[in-house]
Amino acid sequence: MNASSLSQLAEATDLRSVEAEICRRNFSQFIRRSWKIVEPGRDFVPGWHLDAIGEHLQACVEGQITRLVINIPPRHMKSISTAVDLTPWAWIRNPSLQFGYFSYAHNLSLRDSVRSRRLIQSHWYQDRFGAGFALTGDQNAKHRYENDHNGIRLTSSIGGIGTGEGGDLIIVDDPHNVKEAESDTVRQGVLDWWDDTMQTRLNDPKTGVFIVIMQRVHASDLSGHILKEKGYDHLVLPAEYELEHPFRVISSIGFKDPRTKEGELLWPARYGHKELNDLKMTAYARAGQLQQRPTPRGGAILLEKWWRKWDLQKHKLPKFKYISQSYDCAYSEKDRERSSYSARTTWGVFEIDGSPQIMLLDYWRERVPYTTLRKEAKRSNKEFKPDEIVVEDKAAGISLVQDLRLAGLPVVKYTPDRDKEARAQSASIILESGKVWYLDYTWSKDVIGWCAAFPAGDGEDIVDTCTQIWLRYRNRWFVIPQDVENQIEEDEEDAPTPKKRRALYG
């Protein structure tokens, strides 16, 4: 070999060493420089969000962060950075680390596991980092492989094989199937898996790391469930910047979204306005999957802006001509925490210049056994003396109708003839017309929030109480334009005649 060749070899060796050290120190650089191995033939498109993800994942490996939730739109290199690149990079630093990866789709988990192993076995990686460890031959399958320093990468699906094993870092990448996220049963199954199975799977609960990276699909998805707890860092990356985004936070390592203008894009070099519009399939996709807030701004069907506030500083409460209470009842279970809620809202009908209006006066929502539900209904009847008590004719509501009638109370049985969303759509005309009022109390905002979140939120019981009373009054009290008229048949058996004489609060 001549002097020139030796010089070139020395220079190349030097460059490899420099690159290896750059990658070892900085995970974001590793993502960028290993791209040609992970995605051969495709150009790397840089973005500040990739650096943000890299910084937070590196903080997890280094022990600065032990609980992390990342919410990011689809197709923004979520899985490549977390499920493909992280293990190979972390093993450069500490090859004894053990990883557990879980996703809703086993085939996608295996795909990323294979890509991660291919990266480790690539000439580029081995040439720079191969001296640190070697994959073992006896544990080198798609769903599980090990190295000679006791490092492990285990891959499984939600609730699948391998959940009996532990890890130093447990990573959940997209725990929900978007198409199934609206199912309470399926979604609750994921939450139960997280609470009952995964909480005991860290090798060391003091130093072990949980990472959940996903697009938001429902207000009560795994992210929403986890973020109710304290101690989680939250990196939220909406596709379009919102000055009033509800999850605009600064993480524990000091990260803050660098965007300042409303509507500024997350990754304009890859997803400009045209490309982003192609992803906007539905209102729910925009709000949850793209914007990382499952409730579209202002609501999806029952918009927050349609409610009207009654200013108690300027006006006394009106004289109510009619008082109604509306119930959605559930059977309780032995495990109170897993029981569904029973709920009630109380409403007063009044007039402004001869036009009927309706005002939210009170709400109640609890997980209770039937005996408590019955007592609460009787107690509230004494407090408000309603002209009618509307009860949905299902679950514990069937028994409540019978018991309240035996007690001589003015019960009306309500039997819905369509699904919840269809009822909300039909009832929304009352809200949109500006005829629904609220009092400026904190609890009122809770009800409004549940309605605005529907159908993505967890307050369907409260929403049912609202829509069934609005539908009832829509047909009995309000004049609706003919072009939007869509009458819903209701069971008005034993409905009392309005007395038009009540002035409880006026």
Protein backbone atom coordinates (compact mmCIF):
# COMPACT_ATOMS: atom_id res chain seq x y z
CA MET A 1 0.00 0.00 0.00
CA ASN A 2 1.50 3.34 -1.03
CA ALA A 3 1.81 6.43 1.17
CA SER A 4 -1.20 8.11 -0.40
CA SER A 5 -3.42 5.08 0.29
CA LEU A 6 -2.15 4.86 3.87
CA SER A 7 -2.92 8.56 4.36
CA GLN A 8 -6.43 8.15 2.96
CA LEU A 9 -6.99 5.13 5.19
CA ALA A 10 -5.81 7.03 8.25
CA GLU A 11 -8.04 9.95 7.35
CA ALA A 12 -11.04 7.64 6.83
CA THR A 13 -10.32 5.88 10.13
CA ASP A 14 -10.11 9.23 11.81
CA LEU A 15 -13.46 10.33 10.31
CA ARG A 16 -15.12 7.08 11.41
CA SER A 17 -13.86 7.61 14.94
CA VAL A 18 -15.10 11.18 14.97
CA GLU A 19 -18.50 10.17 13.62
CA ALA A 20 -18.73 7.33 16.12
CA GLU A 21 -18.04 9.70 18.99
CA ILE A 22 -20.54 12.26 17.69
CA CYS A 23 -23.21 9.54 17.48
CA ARG A 24 -22.33 8.15 20.90
CA ARG A 25 -22.76 11.54 22.52
CA ASN A 26 -25.89 12.65 20.70
CA PHE A 27 -28.87 10.44 19.84
CA SER A 28 -30.27 12.99 17.38
CA GLN A 29 -27.03 12.77 15.42
CA PHE A 30 -27.25 8.99 15.48
CA ILE A 31 -30.77 9.17 13.98
CA ARG A 32 -29.52 11.46 11.22
CA ARG A 33 -26.31 9.56 10.41
CA SER A 34 -27.84 6.06 10.52
CA TRP A 35 -30.70 7.08 8.22
CA LYS A 36 -29.00 5.72 5.11
CA ILE A 37 -28.98 2.28 6.71
CA VAL A 38 -32.54 2.38 8.04
CA GLU A 39 -34.06 3.96 4.92
CA PRO A 40 -31.65 3.34 2.01
CA GLY A 41 -32.37 5.34 -1.12
CA ARG A 42 -34.47 7.98 0.66
CA ASP A 43 -33.27 11.45 1.58
CA PHE A 44 -33.20 12.42 5.22
CA VAL A 45 -35.48 15.41 5.85
CA PRO A 46 -34.36 17.27 8.99
CA GLY A 47 -36.79 18.80 11.45
CA TRP A 48 -36.47 20.38 14.87
CA HIS A 49 -39.08 17.96 16.20
CA LEU A 50 -36.67 15.08 15.53
CA ASP A 51 -34.09 16.79 17.72
CA ALA A 52 -36.74 17.29 20.42
CA ILE A 53 -37.64 13.59 20.35
CA GLY A 54 -33.97 12.64 20.35
CA GLU A 55 -33.19 14.87 23.34
CA HIS A 56 -36.03 13.43 25.41
CA LEU A 57 -35.26 9.82 24.55
CA GLN A 58 -31.59 10.41 25.34
CA ALA A 59 -32.63 11.88 28.70
CA CYS A 60 -34.52 8.63 29.36
CA VAL A 61 -31.47 6.48 28.63
CA GLU A 62 -29.30 8.74 30.77
CA GLY A 63 -31.72 8.61 33.70
CA GLN A 64 -32.87 12.25 33.66
CA ILE A 65 -36.40 11.23 32.70
CA THR A 66 -38.04 8.02 33.90
CA ARG A 67 -41.63 8.69 32.79
CA LEU A 68 -42.28 10.12 29.34
CA VAL A 69 -45.31 10.56 27.07
CA ILE A 70 -44.73 11.80 23.52
CA ASN A 71 -47.72 12.78 21.38
CA ILE A 72 -46.93 13.31 17.73
CA PRO A 73 -48.82 13.04 14.40
CA PRO A 74 -48.48 9.93 12.22
CA ARG A 75 -45.74 9.75 9.60
CA HIS A 76 -43.38 12.06 11.52
CA MET A 77 -40.63 9.45 12.22
CA LYS A 78 -42.12 8.38 15.53
CA SER A 79 -41.38 4.69 15.17
CA ILE A 80 -38.01 5.04 13.45
CA SER A 81 -36.60 7.18 16.23
CA THR A 82 -38.09 5.18 19.09
CA ALA A 83 -38.64 1.60 17.94
CA VAL A 84 -35.80 1.28 15.42
CA ASP A 85 -32.91 3.56 16.42
CA LEU A 86 -33.11 3.78 20.21
CA THR A 87 -31.92 0.28 21.17
CA PRO A 88 -28.88 0.27 18.84
CA TRP A 89 -27.85 3.70 20.13
CA ALA A 90 -28.44 2.88 23.82
CA TRP A 91 -26.37 -0.30 23.51
CA ILE A 92 -23.45 1.82 22.35
CA ARG A 93 -23.62 3.52 25.74
CA ASN A 94 -24.65 0.53 27.85
CA PRO A 95 -25.05 -2.84 26.13
CA SER A 96 -26.56 -4.44 29.25
CA LEU A 97 -29.80 -2.43 28.97
CA GLN A 98 -32.96 -4.50 28.51
CA PHE A 99 -35.82 -3.17 26.37
CA GLY A 100 -39.46 -4.19 26.12
CA TYR A 101 -41.41 -2.88 23.11
CA PHE A 102 -45.20 -3.11 22.79
CA SER A 103 -47.69 -1.97 20.17
CA TYR A 104 -51.28 -2.70 19.21
CA ALA A 105 -50.10 -4.42 16.03
CA HIS A 106 -47.71 -7.34 16.45
CA ASN A 107 -46.65 -7.31 12.80
CA LEU A 108 -45.60 -3.64 13.02
CA SER A 109 -43.67 -4.35 16.21
CA LEU A 110 -41.83 -7.19 14.51
CA ARG A 111 -41.11 -5.02 11.47
CA ASP A 112 -39.37 -2.41 13.61
CA SER A 113 -37.57 -5.06 15.63
CA VAL A 114 -36.10 -6.53 12.44
CA ARG A 115 -35.07 -3.10 11.16
CA SER A 116 -33.37 -2.37 14.46
CA ARG A 117 -31.43 -5.66 14.30
CA ARG A 118 -30.43 -5.00 10.70
CA LEU A 119 -29.02 -1.65 11.76
CA ILE A 120 -26.92 -3.33 14.45
CA GLN A 121 -25.66 -5.92 11.97
CA SER A 122 -24.92 -3.37 9.24
CA HIS A 123 -21.35 -2.70 8.13
CA TRP A 124 -21.74 1.00 9.05
CA TYR A 125 -22.70 0.17 12.64
CA GLN A 126 -20.23 -2.68 13.13
CA ASP A 127 -17.39 -0.59 11.71
CA ARG A 128 -18.01 2.10 14.33
CA PHE A 129 -19.53 0.36 17.33
CA GLY A 130 -19.12 -3.37 16.78
CA ALA A 131 -16.34 -3.75 19.37
CA GLY A 132 -18.73 -2.94 22.20
CA PHE A 133 -20.92 -6.06 22.06
CA ALA A 134 -22.15 -8.87 19.83
CA LEU A 135 -25.57 -10.38 19.27
CA THR A 136 -25.84 -13.92 20.59
CA GLY A 137 -26.77 -16.77 18.26
CA ASP A 138 -29.07 -18.69 20.57
CA GLN A 139 -31.41 -15.74 21.25
CA ASN A 140 -31.69 -13.97 17.92
CA ALA A 141 -35.32 -14.18 16.80
CA LYS A 142 -37.50 -11.41 15.39
CA HIS A 143 -39.46 -10.94 18.61
CA ARG A 144 -36.48 -11.31 20.95
CA TYR A 145 -32.73 -10.98 20.63
CA GLU A 146 -29.90 -10.60 23.14
CA ASN A 147 -26.29 -9.50 23.18
CA ASP A 148 -23.31 -10.91 25.02
CA HIS A 149 -23.65 -8.28 27.79
CA ASN A 150 -27.11 -9.50 28.83
CA GLY A 151 -28.82 -6.78 26.86
CA ILE A 152 -32.25 -7.81 25.56
CA ARG A 153 -34.77 -6.44 23.09
CA LEU A 154 -38.21 -8.03 23.52
CA THR A 155 -41.06 -7.22 21.16
CA SER A 156 -44.74 -8.01 21.64
CA SER A 157 -48.24 -6.68 21.15
CA ILE A 158 -50.58 -5.22 23.75
CA GLY A 159 -51.57 -8.13 25.96
CA GLY A 160 -49.46 -10.55 23.92
CA ILE A 161 -46.56 -12.82 24.70
CA GLY A 162 -43.68 -11.62 26.79
CA THR A 163 -45.64 -9.48 29.23
CA GLY A 164 -44.35 -11.68 32.04
CA GLU A 165 -40.82 -10.40 31.45
CA GLY A 166 -39.37 -7.12 32.59
CA GLY A 167 -37.09 -4.46 31.22
CA ASP A 168 -35.01 -1.42 32.10
CA LEU A 169 -36.93 0.58 29.51
CA ILE A 170 -40.48 -0.33 28.57
CA ILE A 171 -41.67 1.42 25.43
CA VAL A 172 -45.24 1.49 24.14
CA ASP A 173 -45.50 2.66 20.54
CA ASP A 174 -49.08 3.29 19.37
CA PRO A 175 -51.06 1.21 21.89
CA HIS A 176 -54.41 1.87 20.18
CA ASN A 177 -55.75 0.90 16.81
CA VAL A 178 -57.27 4.17 15.58
CA LYS A 179 -60.30 2.38 14.11
CA GLU A 180 -61.05 0.66 17.43
CA ALA A 181 -60.32 3.55 19.78
CA GLU A 182 -63.97 4.64 19.94
CA SER A 183 -64.89 1.28 21.46
CA ASP A 184 -65.07 1.68 25.24
CA THR A 185 -64.45 -2.03 25.70
CA VAL A 186 -61.38 -2.23 23.47
CA ARG A 187 -59.93 1.01 24.80
CA GLN A 188 -60.50 -0.04 28.41
CA GLY A 189 -58.72 -3.29 27.65
CA VAL A 190 -55.56 -1.33 26.83
CA LEU A 191 -55.85 0.72 30.03
CA ASP A 192 -56.37 -2.43 32.10
CA TRP A 193 -53.32 -4.02 30.46
CA TRP A 194 -51.26 -0.96 31.37
CA ASP A 195 -52.52 -0.79 34.97
CA ASP A 196 -52.64 -4.47 35.79
CA THR A 197 -49.74 -5.91 33.82
CA MET A 198 -47.13 -3.36 32.86
CA GLN A 199 -46.76 -1.53 36.17
CA THR A 200 -44.82 -4.45 37.64
CA ARG A 201 -42.54 -5.07 34.65
CA LEU A 202 -39.68 -2.67 35.30
CA ASN A 203 -36.51 -4.42 36.43
CA ASP A 204 -35.95 -1.62 38.93
CA PRO A 205 -38.99 0.53 39.70
CA LYS A 206 -36.77 3.35 40.99
CA THR A 207 -34.59 3.73 37.91
CA GLY A 208 -36.65 1.95 35.23
CA VAL A 209 -38.19 3.97 32.41
CA PHE A 210 -41.67 4.02 30.87
CA ILE A 211 -41.99 5.65 27.45
CA VAL A 212 -45.32 5.97 25.63
CA ILE A 213 -45.22 7.48 22.16
CA MET A 214 -48.46 7.77 20.20
CA GLN A 215 -50.92 9.90 18.32
CA ARG A 216 -53.94 10.91 20.39
CA VAL A 217 -57.08 9.00 19.40
CA HIS A 218 -59.48 9.63 22.29
CA ALA A 219 -59.67 11.77 25.42
CA SER A 220 -59.56 8.55 27.44
CA ASP A 221 -56.79 6.83 25.48
CA LEU A 222 -53.61 5.63 27.18
CA SER A 223 -52.01 9.08 27.04
CA GLY A 224 -55.05 10.69 28.66
CA HIS A 225 -55.10 7.94 31.28
CA ILE A 226 -51.41 8.27 32.11
CA LEU A 227 -51.30 12.06 32.15
CA LYS A 228 -53.77 12.13 35.02
CA GLU A 229 -50.91 10.85 37.14
CA LYS A 230 -48.11 13.06 38.45
CA GLY A 231 -44.50 12.65 37.45
CA TYR A 232 -44.79 12.22 33.69
CA ASP A 233 -42.94 14.43 31.24
CA HIS A 234 -45.12 15.34 28.30
CA LEU A 235 -43.69 16.19 24.90
CA VAL A 236 -46.60 17.26 22.72
CA LEU A 237 -46.03 18.10 19.05
CA PRO A 238 -49.18 19.22 17.20
CA ALA A 239 -49.01 19.34 13.41
CA GLU A 240 -50.12 22.98 13.46
CA TYR A 241 -49.18 25.34 16.26
CA GLU A 242 -51.95 26.62 18.51
CA LEU A 243 -51.35 29.51 20.88
CA GLU A 244 -54.04 28.17 23.20
CA HIS A 245 -53.25 24.46 22.91
CA PRO A 246 -54.34 22.79 26.18
CA PHE A 247 -51.12 20.74 26.43
CA ARG A 248 -48.60 23.47 25.67
CA VAL A 249 -46.03 22.63 28.34
CA ILE A 250 -42.32 22.91 29.07
CA SER A 251 -40.69 19.55 29.79
CA SER A 252 -38.36 18.87 32.70
CA ILE A 253 -35.29 19.25 30.47
CA GLY A 254 -36.43 22.72 29.44
CA PHE A 255 -37.89 22.03 26.01
CA LYS A 256 -40.49 24.46 24.69
CA ASP A 257 -42.14 24.39 21.29
CA PRO A 258 -40.12 26.95 19.27
CA ARG A 259 -43.08 27.99 17.13
CA THR A 260 -44.77 31.30 17.87
CA LYS A 261 -47.36 31.82 15.12
CA GLU A 262 -50.84 30.32 15.01
CA GLY A 263 -50.99 27.57 12.39
CA GLU A 264 -47.20 27.23 12.01
CA LEU A 265 -46.39 23.75 10.75
CA LEU A 266 -44.44 21.09 12.63
CA TRP A 267 -42.42 19.68 9.71
CA PRO A 268 -43.01 21.93 6.69
CA ALA A 269 -40.10 20.42 4.74
CA ARG A 270 -41.98 17.10 4.68
CA TYR A 271 -45.59 18.02 5.41
CA GLY A 272 -46.52 21.36 3.93
CA HIS A 273 -50.08 22.64 3.83
CA LYS A 274 -51.05 20.46 0.87
CA GLU A 275 -49.61 17.28 2.37
CA LEU A 276 -51.12 18.04 5.76
CA ASN A 277 -54.53 18.64 4.25
CA ASP A 278 -54.37 15.14 2.80
CA LEU A 279 -54.10 13.80 6.36
CA LYS A 280 -57.11 15.76 7.55
CA MET A 281 -59.69 13.08 6.93
CA THR A 282 -62.14 13.96 9.72
CA ALA A 283 -62.56 16.48 12.53
CA TYR A 284 -61.51 13.83 15.00
CA ALA A 285 -58.36 13.01 13.06
CA ARG A 286 -57.38 16.68 12.96
CA ALA A 287 -57.97 17.17 16.65
CA GLY A 288 -56.54 13.92 17.98
CA GLN A 289 -54.15 12.36 15.50
CA LEU A 290 -52.77 15.63 14.14
CA GLN A 291 -53.27 18.20 16.87
CA GLN A 292 -52.84 15.89 19.89
CA ARG A 293 -56.01 17.12 21.60
CA PRO A 294 -58.79 14.60 20.98
CA THR A 295 -61.47 17.25 21.38
CA PRO A 296 -61.50 19.58 18.37
CA ARG A 297 -61.05 23.20 19.42
CA GLY A 298 -64.49 24.33 20.61
CA GLY A 299 -65.96 20.84 20.36
CA ALA A 300 -66.93 18.34 17.67
CA ILE A 301 -70.73 18.19 17.64
CA LEU A 302 -71.88 20.17 20.68
CA LEU A 303 -69.67 23.22 20.35
CA GLU A 304 -68.59 25.08 23.46
CA LYS A 305 -69.19 28.47 21.83
CA TRP A 306 -72.92 27.76 21.44
CA TRP A 307 -73.58 27.79 25.18
CA ARG A 308 -74.76 31.13 26.58
CA LYS A 309 -73.65 32.43 29.97
CA TRP A 310 -76.21 33.92 32.34
CA ASP A 311 -74.51 36.84 34.09
CA LEU A 312 -75.54 36.69 37.74
CA GLN A 313 -73.77 39.99 38.37
CA LYS A 314 -76.25 41.78 36.13
CA HIS A 315 -79.41 39.65 36.28
CA LYS A 316 -81.29 37.60 38.80
CA LEU A 317 -82.22 34.11 37.81
CA PRO A 318 -85.32 34.06 35.62
CA LYS A 319 -88.67 32.68 36.74
CA PHE A 320 -88.70 29.10 35.56
CA LYS A 321 -91.98 27.85 34.16
CA TYR A 322 -90.92 24.25 34.12
CA ILE A 323 -88.22 22.16 35.82
CA SER A 324 -86.90 18.90 34.36
CA GLN A 325 -84.36 16.37 35.51
CA SER A 326 -82.66 13.94 33.15
CA TYR A 327 -80.99 10.66 34.17
CA ASP A 328 -78.56 8.25 32.55
CA CYS A 329 -78.22 5.24 34.86
CA ALA A 330 -75.66 2.44 34.99
CA TYR A 331 -75.40 -0.82 36.86
CA SER A 332 -72.59 -0.76 39.40
CA GLU A 333 -69.94 -3.46 39.68
CA LYS A 334 -68.11 -4.84 42.67
CA ASP A 335 -65.02 -2.93 41.58
CA ARG A 336 -66.25 0.64 42.02
CA GLU A 337 -63.38 2.08 39.96
CA ARG A 338 -64.46 0.10 36.91
CA SER A 339 -68.17 0.75 37.21
CA SER A 340 -69.83 3.14 34.79
CA TYR A 341 -71.12 6.46 36.02
CA SER A 342 -74.74 7.30 36.70
CA ALA A 343 -75.50 10.91 35.89
CA ARG A 344 -78.21 13.56 36.17
CA THR A 345 -78.67 17.10 34.94
CA THR A 346 -81.37 19.52 36.11
CA TRP A 347 -82.86 22.11 33.77
CA GLY A 348 -85.19 25.09 33.98
CA VAL A 349 -87.35 26.37 31.11
CA PHE A 350 -88.01 30.10 30.93
CA GLU A 351 -88.81 32.72 28.29
CA ILE A 352 -87.07 35.75 26.83
CA ASP A 353 -89.48 37.96 24.90
CA GLY A 354 -91.81 35.00 24.50
CA SER A 355 -89.09 32.69 23.17
CA PRO A 356 -88.50 29.48 25.19
CA GLN A 357 -85.02 29.02 26.68
CA ILE A 358 -83.45 26.32 28.82
CA MET A 359 -80.86 26.67 31.59
CA LEU A 360 -78.56 24.16 33.23
CA LEU A 361 -79.19 24.38 36.99
CA ASP A 362 -77.30 21.44 38.45
CA TYR A 363 -75.52 18.19 37.69
CA TRP A 364 -74.60 15.01 39.53
CA ARG A 365 -72.27 12.21 38.39
CA GLU A 366 -71.01 9.30 40.48
CA ARG A 367 -70.25 5.59 40.46
CA VAL A 368 -72.82 4.28 42.90
CA PRO A 369 -74.80 1.13 43.67
CA TYR A 370 -78.48 1.19 42.75
CA THR A 371 -79.67 1.82 46.33
CA THR A 372 -77.59 5.02 46.45
CA LEU A 373 -78.85 6.06 43.02
CA ARG A 374 -82.46 5.70 44.18
CA LYS A 375 -81.81 7.70 47.36
CA GLU A 376 -80.06 10.42 45.38
CA ALA A 377 -82.98 10.67 42.96
CA LYS A 378 -85.44 11.10 45.80
CA ARG A 379 -83.21 13.63 47.57
CA SER A 380 -82.83 15.70 44.42
CA ASN A 381 -86.58 15.57 43.80
CA LYS A 382 -87.15 17.19 47.19
CA GLU A 383 -84.57 19.88 46.43
CA PHE A 384 -85.76 20.88 42.95
CA LYS A 385 -89.37 19.64 42.86
CA PRO A 386 -89.16 18.90 39.12
CA ASP A 387 -92.22 18.81 36.90
CA GLU A 388 -90.78 15.74 35.22
CA ILE A 389 -87.96 13.27 35.75
CA VAL A 390 -86.76 11.83 32.44
CA VAL A 391 -84.99 8.48 32.77
CA GLU A 392 -83.36 6.53 29.96
CA ASP A 393 -85.03 3.13 29.87
CA LYS A 394 -81.99 0.88 30.17
CA ALA A 395 -79.67 -0.63 32.80
CA ALA A 396 -80.51 0.66 36.28
CA GLY A 397 -82.88 3.20 34.72
CA ILE A 398 -85.50 0.47 34.29
CA SER A 399 -85.62 -0.11 38.04
CA LEU A 400 -85.44 3.62 38.79
CA VAL A 401 -88.50 4.32 36.65
CA GLN A 402 -90.49 1.68 38.55
CA ASP A 403 -89.39 2.80 42.01
CA LEU A 404 -89.92 6.51 41.42
CA ARG A 405 -93.38 5.88 39.98
CA LEU A 406 -94.28 3.85 43.06
CA ALA A 407 -93.16 6.86 45.11
CA GLY A 408 -95.56 9.07 43.14
CA LEU A 409 -92.89 11.09 41.35
CA PRO A 410 -93.45 12.46 37.82
CA VAL A 411 -91.28 10.02 35.88
CA VAL A 412 -91.05 9.94 32.09
CA LYS A 413 -89.48 6.90 30.45
CA TYR A 414 -87.16 7.77 27.58
CA THR A 415 -86.38 5.13 24.97
CA PRO A 416 -83.77 6.26 22.42
CA ASP A 417 -84.24 4.98 18.89
CA ARG A 418 -80.76 5.72 17.54
CA ASP A 419 -77.14 5.82 18.65
CA LYS A 420 -75.59 8.49 20.85
CA GLU A 421 -73.93 10.44 18.06
CA ALA A 422 -77.11 10.60 15.99
CA ARG A 423 -78.99 11.90 19.04
CA ALA A 424 -76.31 14.51 19.66
CA GLN A 425 -76.47 15.66 16.05
CA SER A 426 -80.24 16.08 16.24
CA ALA A 427 -80.12 17.80 19.63
CA SER A 428 -77.35 20.18 18.60
CA ILE A 429 -79.84 22.48 16.85
CA ILE A 430 -81.16 23.57 20.26
CA LEU A 431 -77.65 24.40 21.42
CA GLU A 432 -76.65 26.05 18.15
CA SER A 433 -79.75 28.22 18.17
CA GLY A 434 -78.52 29.93 21.36
CA LYS A 435 -81.31 28.70 23.58
CA VAL A 436 -79.15 26.81 26.11
CA TRP A 437 -77.80 28.79 29.08
CA TYR A 438 -75.40 28.06 31.91
CA LEU A 439 -74.42 29.69 35.18
CA ASP A 440 -70.82 30.82 35.48
CA TYR A 441 -69.70 28.17 37.95
CA THR A 442 -66.82 25.70 37.74
CA TRP A 443 -69.17 22.72 37.65
CA SER A 444 -70.97 24.23 34.63
CA LYS A 445 -67.67 24.28 32.75
CA ASP A 446 -67.29 20.56 33.51
CA VAL A 447 -70.59 19.79 31.80
CA ILE A 448 -69.76 22.03 28.85
CA GLY A 449 -66.36 20.36 28.54
CA TRP A 450 -67.86 16.86 28.49
CA CYS A 451 -70.31 17.92 25.80
CA ALA A 452 -67.59 19.58 23.73
CA ALA A 453 -65.39 16.48 23.96
CA PHE A 454 -68.13 14.13 22.79
CA PRO A 455 -67.81 11.62 21.19
CA ALA A 456 -64.11 11.46 22.05
CA GLY A 457 -64.37 12.13 25.77
CA ASP A 458 -65.28 10.10 28.81
CA GLY A 459 -68.45 12.00 29.79
CA GLU A 460 -70.97 10.22 27.57
CA ASP A 461 -73.28 9.75 30.54
CA ILE A 462 -73.58 13.50 31.11
CA VAL A 463 -73.97 14.11 27.37
CA ASP A 464 -76.83 11.60 27.28
CA THR A 465 -78.67 13.47 30.03
CA CYS A 466 -78.29 16.71 28.08
CA THR A 467 -79.24 15.45 24.64
CA GLN A 468 -82.28 13.50 25.80
CA ILE A 469 -83.72 16.59 27.52
CA TRP A 470 -82.87 18.85 24.59
CA LEU A 471 -84.56 16.44 22.20
CA ARG A 472 -87.60 16.30 24.44
CA TYR A 473 -87.90 20.07 24.55
CA ARG A 474 -87.12 20.37 20.89
CA ASN A 475 -90.32 18.53 20.08
CA ARG A 476 -92.46 20.11 22.80
CA TRP A 477 -91.33 23.69 23.24
CA PHE A 478 -89.14 25.01 20.48
CA VAL A 479 -89.96 25.96 16.91
CA ILE A 480 -87.29 24.53 14.67
CA PRO A 481 -86.86 25.66 11.03
CA GLN A 482 -88.50 23.17 8.72
CA ASP A 483 -85.37 22.62 6.66
CA VAL A 484 -83.55 21.15 9.65
CA GLU A 485 -86.52 19.43 11.20
CA ASN A 486 -85.83 15.79 11.95
CA GLN A 487 -88.29 14.67 14.55
CA ILE A 488 -87.27 11.90 16.93
CA GLU A 489 -89.94 9.70 18.36
CA GLU A 490 -89.88 9.56 22.13
CA ASP A 491 -91.85 7.64 24.71
CA GLU A 492 -93.92 10.34 26.45
CA GLU A 493 -95.94 7.93 28.49
CA ASP A 494 -97.40 9.63 31.57
CA ALA A 495 -95.71 12.93 30.72
CA PRO A 496 -97.11 15.65 33.00
CA THR A 497 -98.67 18.75 31.53
CA PRO A 498 -96.45 21.80 32.04
CA LYS A 499 -97.78 23.77 35.01
CA LYS A 500 -96.18 27.04 33.91
CA ARG A 501 -96.22 28.26 37.47
CA ARG A 502 -92.82 27.61 38.95
CA ALA A 503 -90.60 30.42 40.17
CA LEU A 504 -88.13 28.58 42.29
CA TYR A 505 -85.25 31.00 41.92
CA GLY A 506 -86.64 34.19 40.44
